[in-house]
Amino acid sequence: MRYAIVIEKMETGHSACAPDLSGLGVTGATIEDVRELILHGIAIYIHELQSQGEPIPKPGAIAEYADIELVA
């Protein structure tokens, strides 16, 4: 499966979440840190659901960019 992740800059580092996996979020010093942590978190999240016999959420989040032209 392919889940969208969102990485954001914070004052003290970065955070990441997977919108399709409720409650899953991580923080770290760098983008590389949070990318590694969120991928590990997704694997653990899905493993836990499977071990409890719960359904695995299907990916559904869509990430897009908006190109905005600024007027001076």
C-alpha atoms as a PDB file:
ATOM      1  CA  MET A   1       0.000   0.000   0.000  1.00  0.00           C
ATOM      2  CA  ARG A   2       1.070   3.561  -0.533  1.00  0.00           C
ATOM      3  CA  TYR A   3       0.188   6.079   2.192  1.00  0.00           C
ATOM      4  CA  ALA A   4       0.573   9.839   1.907  1.00  0.00           C
ATOM      5  CA  ILE A   5       2.747  11.465   4.540  1.00  0.00           C
ATOM      6  CA  VAL A   6       2.876  15.145   5.448  1.00  0.00           C
ATOM      7  CA  ILE A   7       6.144  16.664   6.691  1.00  0.00           C
ATOM      8  CA  GLU A   8       6.081  20.101   8.280  1.00  0.00           C
ATOM      9  CA  LYS A   9       8.770  22.478   9.517  1.00  0.00           C
ATOM     10  CA  MET A  10       8.440  23.519  13.163  1.00  0.00           C
ATOM     11  CA  GLU A  11      10.449  25.953  15.264  1.00  0.00           C
ATOM     12  CA  THR A  12      12.365  23.098  16.885  1.00  0.00           C
ATOM     13  CA  GLY A  13      12.660  20.667  13.961  1.00  0.00           C
ATOM     14  CA  HIS A  14      10.126  18.800  11.837  1.00  0.00           C
ATOM     15  CA  SER A  15       6.971  16.736  12.263  1.00  0.00           C
ATOM     16  CA  ALA A  16       5.308  14.146  10.066  1.00  0.00           C
ATOM     17  CA  CYS A  17       1.944  12.408   9.977  1.00  0.00           C
ATOM     18  CA  ALA A  18       0.079   9.928   7.818  1.00  0.00           C
ATOM     19  CA  PRO A  19      -3.449  11.358   7.414  1.00  0.00           C
ATOM     20  CA  ASP A  20      -5.006   7.948   6.686  1.00  0.00           C
ATOM     21  CA  LEU A  21      -3.672   6.469   9.925  1.00  0.00           C
ATOM     22  CA  SER A  22      -5.445   8.265  12.749  1.00  0.00           C
ATOM     23  CA  GLY A  23      -3.233   9.412  15.599  1.00  0.00           C
ATOM     24  CA  LEU A  24       0.079   8.542  13.966  1.00  0.00           C
ATOM     25  CA  GLY A  25       2.552  11.389  14.169  1.00  0.00           C
ATOM     26  CA  VAL A  26       6.256  11.848  14.826  1.00  0.00           C
ATOM     27  CA  THR A  27       8.755  14.652  15.433  1.00  0.00           C
ATOM     28  CA  GLY A  28      12.480  14.885  14.816  1.00  0.00           C
ATOM     29  CA  ALA A  29      15.352  17.229  14.209  1.00  0.00           C
ATOM     30  CA  THR A  30      15.573  16.796  10.437  1.00  0.00           C
ATOM     31  CA  ILE A  31      13.422  15.818   7.475  1.00  0.00           C
ATOM     32  CA  GLU A  32      15.447  12.622   7.184  1.00  0.00           C
ATOM     33  CA  ASP A  33      14.744  11.829  10.865  1.00  0.00           C
ATOM     34  CA  VAL A  34      10.977  12.232  10.543  1.00  0.00           C
ATOM     35  CA  ARG A  35      10.855  10.392   7.218  1.00  0.00           C
ATOM     36  CA  GLU A  36      12.553   7.373   8.818  1.00  0.00           C
ATOM     37  CA  LEU A  37      10.403   7.605  11.965  1.00  0.00           C
ATOM     38  CA  ILE A  38       7.082   7.895  10.105  1.00  0.00           C
ATOM     39  CA  LEU A  39       7.903   4.928   7.843  1.00  0.00           C
ATOM     40  CA  HIS A  40       8.772   2.854  10.910  1.00  0.00           C
ATOM     41  CA  GLY A  41       5.624   4.139  12.634  1.00  0.00           C
ATOM     42  CA  ILE A  42       3.437   3.102   9.693  1.00  0.00           C
ATOM     43  CA  ALA A  43       4.879  -0.411   9.784  1.00  0.00           C
ATOM     44  CA  ILE A  44       4.241  -0.709  13.540  1.00  0.00           C
ATOM     45  CA  TYR A  45       0.742   0.795  13.216  1.00  0.00           C
ATOM     46  CA  ILE A  46      -0.281  -1.719  10.542  1.00  0.00           C
ATOM     47  CA  HIS A  47       1.331  -4.634  12.406  1.00  0.00           C
ATOM     48  CA  GLU A  48      -0.629  -3.739  15.561  1.00  0.00           C
ATOM     49  CA  LEU A  49      -3.915  -3.554  13.646  1.00  0.00           C
ATOM     50  CA  GLN A  50      -3.210  -6.933  12.064  1.00  0.00           C
ATOM     51  CA  SER A  51      -2.310  -8.533  15.398  1.00  0.00           C
ATOM     52  CA  GLN A  52      -5.606  -7.279  16.877  1.00  0.00           C
ATOM     53  CA  GLY A  53      -7.625  -8.476  13.882  1.00  0.00           C
ATOM     54  CA  GLU A  54      -8.603  -4.906  12.977  1.00  0.00           C
ATOM     55  CA  PRO A  55      -9.072  -3.763   9.375  1.00  0.00           C
ATOM     56  CA  ILE A  56      -6.183  -1.935   7.709  1.00  0.00           C
ATOM     57  CA  PRO A  57      -7.230   1.550   6.526  1.00  0.00           C
ATOM     58  CA  LYS A  58      -7.056   1.919   2.777  1.00  0.00           C
ATOM     59  CA  PRO A  59      -4.958   4.830   1.539  1.00  0.00           C
ATOM     60  CA  GLY A  60      -7.151   7.701   0.469  1.00  0.00           C
ATOM     61  CA  ALA A  61      -5.380  10.963   1.268  1.00  0.00           C
ATOM     62  CA  ILE A  62      -4.297  13.006  -1.734  1.00  0.00           C
ATOM     63  CA  ALA A  63      -1.381  15.435  -1.606  1.00  0.00           C
ATOM     64  CA  GLU A  64      -1.234  18.303  -4.054  1.00  0.00           C
ATOM     65  CA  TYR A  65       0.657  21.540  -4.372  1.00  0.00           C
ATOM     66  CA  ALA A  66      -0.917  24.914  -5.136  1.00  0.00           C
ATOM     67  CA  ASP A  67       1.094  27.241  -7.358  1.00  0.00           C
ATOM     68  CA  ILE A  68       0.298  30.784  -6.261  1.00  0.00           C
ATOM     69  CA  GLU A  69       1.534  33.810  -8.154  1.00  0.00           C
ATOM     70  CA  LEU A  70       2.284  36.653  -5.762  1.00  0.00           C
ATOM     71  CA  VAL A  71       1.621  40.197  -6.871  1.00  0.00           C
ATOM     72  CA  ALA A  72       4.139  42.763  -5.609  1.00  0.00           C
END
